[in-house]
Amino acid sequence: MSIHILLCLKSKETLSDNEHCVLKMFEKQEFITRKEVEKTLAVSQAMAVRVLRQLSDKNLIRVMGRGKNTRYSLVNFFNLHNNIKIIYMP
């Protein structure tokens, strides 16, 4: 079973196309890496970092680890039972 949630952003905040694409990556996997973002978006390392930082600044994803071991996951909006997956739906 899946729950689809809509993310409420501050009135002046919007998501770029790249940010939408990154959030959609979480539909298929729980964690993503910068390298995966680079490949999916076909962007440079600097651009991938920028997009991930923007999503983190908007409190939509969280950063885990440092350096080569850095992974990203969706922010856990609710403390839900393990068999329910929260995914972003634009």
N, C-alpha and C. Protein backbone atom coordinates (compact mmCIF):
# COMPACT_ATOMS: atom_id res chain seq x y z
N MET A 1 0.84 -1.18 0.00
CA MET A 1 0.00 0.00 0.00
C MET A 1 0.88 1.23 0.00
N SER A 2 0.50 2.25 -0.76
CA SER A 2 1.26 3.49 -0.81
C SER A 2 0.38 4.68 -0.49
N ILE A 3 0.97 5.66 0.12
CA ILE A 3 0.29 6.93 0.36
C ILE A 3 0.98 7.96 -0.51
N HIS A 4 0.19 8.75 -1.22
CA HIS A 4 0.74 9.83 -2.03
C HIS A 4 0.50 11.12 -1.26
N ILE A 5 1.53 11.92 -1.11
CA ILE A 5 1.35 13.18 -0.40
C ILE A 5 1.70 14.34 -1.29
N LEU A 6 1.03 15.43 -1.07
CA LEU A 6 1.36 16.67 -1.76
C LEU A 6 2.19 17.49 -0.80
N LEU A 7 3.25 18.06 -1.31
CA LEU A 7 4.12 18.86 -0.47
C LEU A 7 3.64 20.29 -0.47
N CYS A 8 3.50 20.85 0.70
CA CYS A 8 3.07 22.24 0.81
C CYS A 8 4.31 23.10 0.96
N LEU A 9 4.51 23.94 -0.01
CA LEU A 9 5.65 24.85 0.01
C LEU A 9 5.18 26.23 0.42
N LYS A 10 6.10 27.03 0.92
CA LYS A 10 5.76 28.41 1.22
C LYS A 10 5.27 29.06 -0.06
N SER A 11 4.41 30.03 0.05
CA SER A 11 3.72 30.61 -1.11
C SER A 11 4.66 31.06 -2.22
N LYS A 12 5.85 31.53 -1.89
CA LYS A 12 6.76 32.03 -2.92
C LYS A 12 7.74 30.97 -3.41
N GLU A 13 7.71 29.80 -2.80
CA GLU A 13 8.61 28.74 -3.21
C GLU A 13 8.00 27.92 -4.34
N THR A 14 8.81 27.61 -5.29
CA THR A 14 8.39 26.72 -6.37
C THR A 14 9.49 25.69 -6.57
N LEU A 15 9.18 24.65 -7.31
CA LEU A 15 10.18 23.64 -7.61
C LEU A 15 10.56 23.74 -9.07
N SER A 16 11.85 23.65 -9.33
CA SER A 16 12.34 23.65 -10.71
C SER A 16 12.08 22.28 -11.33
N ASP A 17 12.23 22.20 -12.64
CA ASP A 17 12.08 20.91 -13.32
C ASP A 17 13.08 19.89 -12.77
N ASN A 18 14.31 20.33 -12.53
CA ASN A 18 15.32 19.42 -11.99
C ASN A 18 14.93 18.93 -10.60
N GLU A 19 14.38 19.82 -9.77
CA GLU A 19 13.96 19.41 -8.43
C GLU A 19 12.82 18.39 -8.52
N HIS A 20 11.88 18.61 -9.43
CA HIS A 20 10.80 17.64 -9.63
C HIS A 20 11.37 16.27 -10.02
N CYS A 21 12.32 16.28 -10.93
CA CYS A 21 12.92 15.01 -11.39
C CYS A 21 13.61 14.28 -10.24
N VAL A 22 14.33 15.02 -9.42
CA VAL A 22 15.01 14.40 -8.28
C VAL A 22 13.99 13.80 -7.33
N LEU A 23 12.92 14.51 -7.03
CA LEU A 23 11.91 13.97 -6.12
C LEU A 23 11.25 12.73 -6.70
N LYS A 24 11.07 12.69 -7.99
CA LYS A 24 10.47 11.52 -8.63
C LYS A 24 11.39 10.30 -8.51
N MET A 25 12.69 10.52 -8.38
CA MET A 25 13.63 9.42 -8.21
C MET A 25 13.29 8.59 -6.97
N PHE A 26 12.68 9.23 -5.97
CA PHE A 26 12.34 8.53 -4.72
C PHE A 26 11.17 7.58 -4.89
N GLU A 27 10.48 7.63 -6.01
CA GLU A 27 9.41 6.66 -6.25
C GLU A 27 9.97 5.26 -6.44
N LYS A 28 11.21 5.19 -6.93
CA LYS A 28 11.83 3.90 -7.23
C LYS A 28 12.82 3.44 -6.17
N GLN A 29 13.34 4.37 -5.39
CA GLN A 29 14.33 3.99 -4.39
C GLN A 29 14.22 4.91 -3.18
N GLU A 30 14.61 4.36 -2.05
CA GLU A 30 14.50 5.10 -0.79
C GLU A 30 15.62 6.13 -0.62
N PHE A 31 16.80 5.81 -1.14
CA PHE A 31 17.95 6.70 -1.02
C PHE A 31 18.52 6.96 -2.41
N ILE A 32 19.07 8.17 -2.59
CA ILE A 32 19.75 8.49 -3.85
C ILE A 32 21.10 9.11 -3.53
N THR A 33 21.97 9.12 -4.52
CA THR A 33 23.28 9.74 -4.37
C THR A 33 23.42 10.88 -5.38
N ARG A 34 24.40 11.72 -5.14
CA ARG A 34 24.67 12.82 -6.06
C ARG A 34 24.98 12.28 -7.45
N LYS A 35 25.75 11.22 -7.50
CA LYS A 35 26.15 10.62 -8.77
C LYS A 35 24.91 10.16 -9.56
N GLU A 36 23.95 9.58 -8.89
CA GLU A 36 22.72 9.15 -9.55
C GLU A 36 21.94 10.35 -10.09
N VAL A 37 21.96 11.44 -9.33
CA VAL A 37 21.29 12.67 -9.79
C VAL A 37 21.99 13.20 -11.04
N GLU A 38 23.31 13.19 -11.04
CA GLU A 38 24.07 13.62 -12.22
C GLU A 38 23.64 12.83 -13.45
N LYS A 39 23.58 11.52 -13.31
CA LYS A 39 23.23 10.65 -14.45
C LYS A 39 21.79 10.86 -14.89
N THR A 40 20.87 10.90 -13.95
CA THR A 40 19.45 11.04 -14.26
C THR A 40 19.15 12.37 -14.95
N LEU A 41 19.74 13.44 -14.44
CA LEU A 41 19.47 14.77 -14.99
C LEU A 41 20.43 15.15 -16.12
N ALA A 42 21.48 14.36 -16.31
CA ALA A 42 22.53 14.67 -17.29
C ALA A 42 23.09 16.07 -17.04
N VAL A 43 23.53 16.28 -15.78
CA VAL A 43 24.09 17.56 -15.38
C VAL A 43 25.47 17.35 -14.77
N SER A 44 26.16 18.45 -14.54
CA SER A 44 27.48 18.39 -13.92
C SER A 44 27.36 18.10 -12.43
N GLN A 45 28.50 17.79 -11.83
CA GLN A 45 28.53 17.55 -10.39
C GLN A 45 28.06 18.79 -9.64
N ALA A 46 28.53 19.96 -10.07
CA ALA A 46 28.16 21.21 -9.40
C ALA A 46 26.65 21.45 -9.46
N MET A 47 26.04 21.17 -10.60
CA MET A 47 24.60 21.38 -10.74
C MET A 47 23.83 20.38 -9.89
N ALA A 48 24.28 19.13 -9.84
CA ALA A 48 23.62 18.12 -9.01
C ALA A 48 23.67 18.53 -7.55
N VAL A 49 24.82 19.01 -7.10
CA VAL A 49 24.96 19.47 -5.72
C VAL A 49 24.02 20.63 -5.46
N ARG A 50 23.92 21.56 -6.41
CA ARG A 50 23.06 22.73 -6.26
C ARG A 50 21.59 22.31 -6.11
N VAL A 51 21.14 21.39 -6.96
CA VAL A 51 19.74 20.94 -6.90
C VAL A 51 19.46 20.23 -5.57
N LEU A 52 20.37 19.36 -5.16
CA LEU A 52 20.20 18.65 -3.89
C LEU A 52 20.20 19.63 -2.71
N ARG A 53 21.06 20.62 -2.76
CA ARG A 53 21.12 21.62 -1.68
C ARG A 53 19.81 22.42 -1.63
N GLN A 54 19.27 22.78 -2.79
CA GLN A 54 18.01 23.53 -2.83
C GLN A 54 16.87 22.72 -2.21
N LEU A 55 16.81 21.43 -2.53
CA LEU A 55 15.78 20.57 -1.94
C LEU A 55 15.98 20.42 -0.44
N SER A 56 17.22 20.34 -0.02
CA SER A 56 17.52 20.24 1.41
C SER A 56 17.14 21.54 2.12
N ASP A 57 17.44 22.66 1.50
CA ASP A 57 17.09 23.97 2.09
C ASP A 57 15.58 24.15 2.21
N LYS A 58 14.83 23.51 1.32
CA LYS A 58 13.37 23.56 1.38
C LYS A 58 12.79 22.49 2.31
N ASN A 59 13.68 21.78 2.98
CA ASN A 59 13.30 20.71 3.92
C ASN A 59 12.48 19.62 3.26
N LEU A 60 12.80 19.29 2.01
CA LEU A 60 12.12 18.21 1.32
C LEU A 60 12.92 16.93 1.32
N ILE A 61 14.24 17.05 1.41
CA ILE A 61 15.11 15.87 1.51
C ILE A 61 16.06 16.08 2.68
N ARG A 62 16.59 14.97 3.15
CA ARG A 62 17.60 15.08 4.22
C ARG A 62 18.90 14.45 3.75
N VAL A 63 19.97 14.98 4.27
CA VAL A 63 21.32 14.54 3.91
C VAL A 63 21.81 13.59 4.98
N MET A 64 22.34 12.44 4.53
CA MET A 64 22.89 11.47 5.47
C MET A 64 24.31 11.13 5.04
N GLY A 65 25.22 11.21 5.96
CA GLY A 65 26.61 10.90 5.66
C GLY A 65 27.36 12.11 5.15
N ARG A 66 28.61 11.85 4.80
CA ARG A 66 29.48 12.93 4.31
C ARG A 66 30.39 12.37 3.22
N GLY A 67 30.89 13.28 2.39
CA GLY A 67 31.83 12.89 1.36
C GLY A 67 31.25 11.88 0.39
N LYS A 68 32.04 10.87 0.05
CA LYS A 68 31.60 9.86 -0.92
C LYS A 68 30.44 9.02 -0.40
N ASN A 69 30.23 9.01 0.90
CA ASN A 69 29.17 8.20 1.48
C ASN A 69 27.85 8.97 1.65
N THR A 70 27.75 10.16 1.10
CA THR A 70 26.54 10.96 1.27
C THR A 70 25.39 10.35 0.49
N ARG A 71 24.26 10.21 1.18
CA ARG A 71 23.03 9.75 0.56
C ARG A 71 21.93 10.74 0.92
N TYR A 72 20.88 10.70 0.15
CA TYR A 72 19.76 11.62 0.37
C TYR A 72 18.48 10.81 0.44
N SER A 73 17.56 11.24 1.29
CA SER A 73 16.25 10.59 1.39
C SER A 73 15.19 11.66 1.55
N LEU A 74 13.94 11.27 1.28
CA LEU A 74 12.84 12.20 1.52
C LEU A 74 12.73 12.44 3.01
N VAL A 75 12.33 13.64 3.37
CA VAL A 75 12.08 13.94 4.77
C VAL A 75 10.88 13.10 5.20
N ASN A 76 10.97 12.52 6.36
CA ASN A 76 9.89 11.70 6.90
C ASN A 76 8.87 12.64 7.54
N PHE A 77 7.77 12.93 6.81
CA PHE A 77 6.79 13.88 7.28
C PHE A 77 5.94 13.32 8.42
N PHE A 78 5.75 12.04 8.44
CA PHE A 78 4.93 11.40 9.45
C PHE A 78 5.65 10.16 9.95
N ASN A 79 5.38 9.80 11.15
CA ASN A 79 5.93 8.56 11.68
C ASN A 79 4.93 7.45 11.36
N LEU A 80 5.07 6.85 10.18
CA LEU A 80 4.11 5.88 9.70
C LEU A 80 4.63 4.46 9.85
N HIS A 81 3.73 3.53 9.80
CA HIS A 81 4.07 2.11 9.87
C HIS A 81 5.00 1.76 8.71
N ASN A 82 5.88 0.81 8.89
CA ASN A 82 6.90 0.46 7.91
C ASN A 82 6.38 0.07 6.53
N ASN A 83 5.17 -0.48 6.44
CA ASN A 83 4.71 -0.94 5.14
C ASN A 83 4.05 0.17 4.32
N ILE A 84 4.07 1.40 4.82
CA ILE A 84 3.52 2.52 4.08
C ILE A 84 4.66 3.38 3.58
N LYS A 85 4.67 3.63 2.31
CA LYS A 85 5.75 4.40 1.71
C LYS A 85 5.22 5.77 1.31
N ILE A 86 5.92 6.82 1.70
CA ILE A 86 5.53 8.16 1.33
C ILE A 86 6.32 8.55 0.09
N ILE A 87 5.62 8.94 -0.95
CA ILE A 87 6.31 9.38 -2.16
C ILE A 87 5.78 10.74 -2.59
N TYR A 88 6.59 11.45 -3.30
CA TYR A 88 6.23 12.77 -3.79
C TYR A 88 5.44 12.63 -5.08
N MET A 89 4.32 13.33 -5.18
CA MET A 89 3.51 13.34 -6.38
C MET A 89 3.27 14.78 -6.80
N PRO A 90 3.80 15.23 -7.93
CA PRO A 90 3.60 16.63 -8.34
C PRO A 90 2.17 16.91 -8.75
